[in-house]
Amino acid sequence: MQRTSRPRGLTTRAGLAAALFAVAVVPGWTLGDLAEDHTGWPVLDWLITCGWSGVAVAAGAPWGSYRRMDGWLGAVPVYGWYLAGILSWRLASLPYRDWEPRRDELWQARWLTGDLIGYWRADAAAQRGVTAATRPTAARRTRPAASRRPSAS
């Protein structure tokens, strides 16, 4: 008997989102502060803090319906922390999505019904690509070669 999973509750999702946000931001702050204390350069603190946030946002962007290129905006001061917060909230609800997928994600998204109405589910693409049973050159032709040539008249 298959048990259907349920979306996370508000408390669980908020706690998981807070933990994800902390992982996305706090190490950058810590490393930036250590670098500034060691070198005395406040600019290095900002570079490390924003760089860490940018990498974290870019890593989580594809799972939160952002393009990886958009994720690099996570390196912009303050805006990157905003993106990290949004992505943390979205990633905390996976595999269910309560946001509409991007246009290029619609091919793999499903609108759920029943008790899960209002949620999307986007399963990963198949691991194995579609392959032909025979090589294209060895396949049977569908019409004779003479009919493919344009007429001389």
C-alpha atoms as a PDB file:
ATOM      1  CA  MET A   1       0.000   0.000   0.000  1.00  0.00           C
ATOM      2  CA  GLN A   2       1.463   3.332  -1.074  1.00  0.00           C
ATOM      3  CA  ARG A   3       1.304   6.153   1.420  1.00  0.00           C
ATOM      4  CA  THR A   4       0.872   9.609  -0.054  1.00  0.00           C
ATOM      5  CA  SER A   5       3.074  12.266   1.435  1.00  0.00           C
ATOM      6  CA  ARG A   6       1.686  15.576   2.616  1.00  0.00           C
ATOM      7  CA  PRO A   7       3.137  19.067   2.260  1.00  0.00           C
ATOM      8  CA  ARG A   8       5.017  20.336   5.298  1.00  0.00           C
ATOM      9  CA  GLY A   9       3.097  22.308   7.888  1.00  0.00           C
ATOM     10  CA  LEU A  10       3.723  25.995   8.489  1.00  0.00           C
ATOM     11  CA  THR A  11       5.898  25.495  11.578  1.00  0.00           C
ATOM     12  CA  THR A  12       8.065  22.812   9.990  1.00  0.00           C
ATOM     13  CA  ARG A  13       8.428  24.762   6.765  1.00  0.00           C
ATOM     14  CA  ALA A  14       9.326  27.978   8.615  1.00  0.00           C
ATOM     15  CA  GLY A  15      11.934  26.188  10.721  1.00  0.00           C
ATOM     16  CA  LEU A  16      13.469  24.514   7.691  1.00  0.00           C
ATOM     17  CA  ALA A  17      13.448  27.827   5.790  1.00  0.00           C
ATOM     18  CA  ALA A  18      15.210  29.561   8.689  1.00  0.00           C
ATOM     19  CA  ALA A  19      17.872  26.849   8.742  1.00  0.00           C
ATOM     20  CA  LEU A  20      18.379  27.106   4.968  1.00  0.00           C
ATOM     21  CA  PHE A  21      18.634  30.895   5.208  1.00  0.00           C
ATOM     22  CA  ALA A  22      21.208  30.566   7.982  1.00  0.00           C
ATOM     23  CA  VAL A  23      23.288  28.191   5.843  1.00  0.00           C
ATOM     24  CA  ALA A  24      23.033  30.608   2.911  1.00  0.00           C
ATOM     25  CA  VAL A  25      24.051  33.741   4.821  1.00  0.00           C
ATOM     26  CA  VAL A  26      25.751  33.157   8.201  1.00  0.00           C
ATOM     27  CA  PRO A  27      28.945  31.432   6.969  1.00  0.00           C
ATOM     28  CA  GLY A  28      29.573  34.349   4.592  1.00  0.00           C
ATOM     29  CA  TRP A  29      29.112  36.848   7.395  1.00  0.00           C
ATOM     30  CA  THR A  30      31.449  34.881   9.648  1.00  0.00           C
ATOM     31  CA  LEU A  31      34.167  34.429   7.033  1.00  0.00           C
ATOM     32  CA  GLY A  32      33.860  38.085   6.014  1.00  0.00           C
ATOM     33  CA  ASP A  33      34.244  39.276   9.608  1.00  0.00           C
ATOM     34  CA  LEU A  34      37.273  37.031  10.121  1.00  0.00           C
ATOM     35  CA  ALA A  35      38.861  38.327   6.919  1.00  0.00           C
ATOM     36  CA  GLU A  36      38.248  41.942   7.944  1.00  0.00           C
ATOM     37  CA  ASP A  37      39.689  41.351  11.423  1.00  0.00           C
ATOM     38  CA  HIS A  38      42.752  39.729   9.914  1.00  0.00           C
ATOM     39  CA  THR A  39      43.402  42.228   7.091  1.00  0.00           C
ATOM     40  CA  GLY A  40      41.657  45.408   8.277  1.00  0.00           C
ATOM     41  CA  TRP A  41      39.887  45.778   4.900  1.00  0.00           C
ATOM     42  CA  PRO A  42      36.124  46.309   5.265  1.00  0.00           C
ATOM     43  CA  VAL A  43      35.710  45.891   1.500  1.00  0.00           C
ATOM     44  CA  LEU A  44      37.009  42.324   1.769  1.00  0.00           C
ATOM     45  CA  ASP A  45      34.283  41.637   4.340  1.00  0.00           C
ATOM     46  CA  TRP A  46      31.604  42.761   1.860  1.00  0.00           C
ATOM     47  CA  LEU A  47      33.154  40.820  -1.023  1.00  0.00           C
ATOM     48  CA  ILE A  48      33.271  37.583   0.937  1.00  0.00           C
ATOM     49  CA  THR A  49      29.813  38.038   2.468  1.00  0.00           C
ATOM     50  CA  CYS A  50      28.160  38.879  -0.855  1.00  0.00           C
ATOM     51  CA  GLY A  51      30.161  36.235  -2.736  1.00  0.00           C
ATOM     52  CA  TRP A  52      29.043  33.495  -0.332  1.00  0.00           C
ATOM     53  CA  SER A  53      25.439  34.640  -0.619  1.00  0.00           C
ATOM     54  CA  GLY A  54      25.718  34.695  -4.428  1.00  0.00           C
ATOM     55  CA  VAL A  55      27.049  31.145  -4.562  1.00  0.00           C
ATOM     56  CA  ALA A  56      24.363  29.891  -2.176  1.00  0.00           C
ATOM     57  CA  VAL A  57      21.559  31.569  -4.136  1.00  0.00           C
ATOM     58  CA  ALA A  58      22.933  30.345  -7.475  1.00  0.00           C
ATOM     59  CA  ALA A  59      23.142  26.790  -6.119  1.00  0.00           C
ATOM     60  CA  GLY A  60      19.513  26.782  -4.960  1.00  0.00           C
ATOM     61  CA  ALA A  61      18.067  28.822  -7.834  1.00  0.00           C
ATOM     62  CA  PRO A  62      17.125  25.954 -10.200  1.00  0.00           C
ATOM     63  CA  TRP A  63      15.103  24.183  -7.488  1.00  0.00           C
ATOM     64  CA  GLY A  64      13.270  27.382  -6.551  1.00  0.00           C
ATOM     65  CA  SER A  65      12.155  28.236 -10.122  1.00  0.00           C
ATOM     66  CA  TYR A  66      14.910  30.745 -10.746  1.00  0.00           C
ATOM     67  CA  ARG A  67      17.428  30.402 -13.529  1.00  0.00           C
ATOM     68  CA  ARG A  68      20.982  29.844 -12.322  1.00  0.00           C
ATOM     69  CA  MET A  69      21.990  33.081 -14.062  1.00  0.00           C
ATOM     70  CA  ASP A  70      19.331  34.961 -12.058  1.00  0.00           C
ATOM     71  CA  GLY A  71      20.755  33.336  -8.975  1.00  0.00           C
ATOM     72  CA  TRP A  72      24.004  35.235  -9.376  1.00  0.00           C
ATOM     73  CA  LEU A  73      22.040  38.352  -8.425  1.00  0.00           C
ATOM     74  CA  GLY A  74      22.399  36.888  -4.948  1.00  0.00           C
ATOM     75  CA  ALA A  75      25.828  38.533  -4.844  1.00  0.00           C
ATOM     76  CA  VAL A  76      24.226  41.998  -4.885  1.00  0.00           C
ATOM     77  CA  PRO A  77      24.330  43.440  -1.344  1.00  0.00           C
ATOM     78  CA  VAL A  78      21.018  43.254   0.555  1.00  0.00           C
ATOM     79  CA  TYR A  79      19.107  42.048  -2.549  1.00  0.00           C
ATOM     80  CA  GLY A  80      21.013  38.760  -2.293  1.00  0.00           C
ATOM     81  CA  TRP A  81      19.731  38.226   1.231  1.00  0.00           C
ATOM     82  CA  TYR A  82      16.204  38.912   0.001  1.00  0.00           C
ATOM     83  CA  LEU A  83      16.644  36.270  -2.737  1.00  0.00           C
ATOM     84  CA  ALA A  84      18.126  33.867  -0.185  1.00  0.00           C
ATOM     85  CA  GLY A  85      15.010  34.336   1.962  1.00  0.00           C
ATOM     86  CA  ILE A  86      12.643  33.664  -0.932  1.00  0.00           C
ATOM     87  CA  LEU A  87      14.601  30.621  -2.064  1.00  0.00           C
ATOM     88  CA  SER A  88      14.806  29.277   1.485  1.00  0.00           C
ATOM     89  CA  TRP A  89      11.028  29.500   1.798  1.00  0.00           C
ATOM     90  CA  ARG A  90      10.506  27.803  -1.558  1.00  0.00           C
ATOM     91  CA  LEU A  91      13.074  25.051  -0.996  1.00  0.00           C
ATOM     92  CA  ALA A  92      11.539  24.262   2.388  1.00  0.00           C
ATOM     93  CA  SER A  93       8.319  23.125   0.693  1.00  0.00           C
ATOM     94  CA  LEU A  94       9.843  20.815  -1.918  1.00  0.00           C
ATOM     95  CA  PRO A  95       8.831  18.441  -3.520  1.00  0.00           C
ATOM     96  CA  TYR A  96       5.533  20.352  -3.493  1.00  0.00           C
ATOM     97  CA  ARG A  97       5.443  23.845  -4.920  1.00  0.00           C
ATOM     98  CA  ASP A  98       2.984  26.551  -3.982  1.00  0.00           C
ATOM     99  CA  TRP A  99       4.303  28.885  -6.685  1.00  0.00           C
ATOM    100  CA  GLU A 100       3.627  28.721 -10.396  1.00  0.00           C
ATOM    101  CA  PRO A 101       6.501  27.255 -12.430  1.00  0.00           C
ATOM    102  CA  ARG A 102       8.338  29.295 -15.044  1.00  0.00           C
ATOM    103  CA  ARG A 103       7.280  28.883 -18.655  1.00  0.00           C
ATOM    104  CA  ASP A 104      10.265  26.666 -19.465  1.00  0.00           C
ATOM    105  CA  GLU A 105       9.436  24.390 -16.493  1.00  0.00           C
ATOM    106  CA  LEU A 106       5.846  23.699 -17.491  1.00  0.00           C
ATOM    107  CA  TRP A 107       6.759  20.607 -19.516  1.00  0.00           C
ATOM    108  CA  GLN A 108       7.652  18.727 -16.332  1.00  0.00           C
ATOM    109  CA  ALA A 109       5.175  20.324 -13.899  1.00  0.00           C
ATOM    110  CA  ARG A 110       1.885  18.816 -12.766  1.00  0.00           C
ATOM    111  CA  TRP A 111      -1.005  20.669 -11.154  1.00  0.00           C
ATOM    112  CA  LEU A 112      -2.119  18.522  -8.238  1.00  0.00           C
ATOM    113  CA  THR A 113      -5.759  17.838  -7.457  1.00  0.00           C
ATOM    114  CA  GLY A 114      -7.760  16.387  -4.611  1.00  0.00           C
ATOM    115  CA  ASP A 115      -6.396  17.134  -1.143  1.00  0.00           C
ATOM    116  CA  LEU A 116      -3.312  18.743  -2.696  1.00  0.00           C
ATOM    117  CA  ILE A 117      -5.130  21.284  -4.834  1.00  0.00           C
ATOM    118  CA  GLY A 118      -3.181  24.512  -5.085  1.00  0.00           C
ATOM    119  CA  TYR A 119       0.182  22.754  -5.282  1.00  0.00           C
ATOM    120  CA  TRP A 120       2.431  21.938  -8.210  1.00  0.00           C
ATOM    121  CA  ARG A 121       4.793  19.046  -8.470  1.00  0.00           C
ATOM    122  CA  ALA A 122       7.753  19.109 -10.826  1.00  0.00           C
ATOM    123  CA  ASP A 123       9.433  15.766 -11.039  1.00  0.00           C
ATOM    124  CA  ALA A 124      12.904  15.466 -12.455  1.00  0.00           C
ATOM    125  CA  ALA A 125      13.296  14.514 -16.078  1.00  0.00           C
ATOM    126  CA  ALA A 126      13.970  10.897 -16.940  1.00  0.00           C
ATOM    127  CA  GLN A 127      17.560   9.856 -16.304  1.00  0.00           C
ATOM    128  CA  ARG A 128      17.858   8.023 -19.613  1.00  0.00           C
ATOM    129  CA  GLY A 129      17.315   9.903 -22.814  1.00  0.00           C
ATOM    130  CA  VAL A 130      15.140   8.697 -25.663  1.00  0.00           C
ATOM    131  CA  THR A 131      17.105   6.500 -28.039  1.00  0.00           C
ATOM    132  CA  ALA A 132      16.332   5.056 -31.451  1.00  0.00           C
ATOM    133  CA  ALA A 133      15.931   1.321 -31.841  1.00  0.00           C
ATOM    134  CA  THR A 134      18.146   1.354 -34.921  1.00  0.00           C
ATOM    135  CA  ARG A 135      20.648   3.742 -36.389  1.00  0.00           C
ATOM    136  CA  PRO A 136      19.041   6.316 -38.708  1.00  0.00           C
ATOM    137  CA  THR A 137      21.075   5.074 -41.693  1.00  0.00           C
ATOM    138  CA  ALA A 138      19.960   1.490 -41.102  1.00  0.00           C
ATOM    139  CA  ALA A 139      16.277   2.361 -40.778  1.00  0.00           C
ATOM    140  CA  ARG A 140      13.813   1.437 -43.532  1.00  0.00           C
ATOM    141  CA  ARG A 141      12.976   4.265 -45.904  1.00  0.00           C
ATOM    142  CA  THR A 142       9.314   5.273 -45.984  1.00  0.00           C
ATOM    143  CA  ARG A 143       9.228   6.130 -49.702  1.00  0.00           C
ATOM    144  CA  PRO A 144      11.417   5.300 -52.674  1.00  0.00           C
ATOM    145  CA  ALA A 145      14.409   7.482 -53.406  1.00  0.00           C
ATOM    146  CA  ALA A 146      13.046   8.445 -56.848  1.00  0.00           C
ATOM    147  CA  SER A 147       9.967  10.124 -55.367  1.00  0.00           C
ATOM    148  CA  ARG A 148      12.133  12.419 -53.213  1.00  0.00           C
ATOM    149  CA  ARG A 149      13.870  14.012 -56.205  1.00  0.00           C
ATOM    150  CA  PRO A 150      12.273  17.103 -57.729  1.00  0.00           C
ATOM    151  CA  SER A 151      10.830  16.611 -61.193  1.00  0.00           C
ATOM    152  CA  ALA A 152      12.863  17.818 -64.194  1.00  0.00           C
ATOM    153  CA  SER A 153       9.939  19.534 -65.961  1.00  0.00           C
END
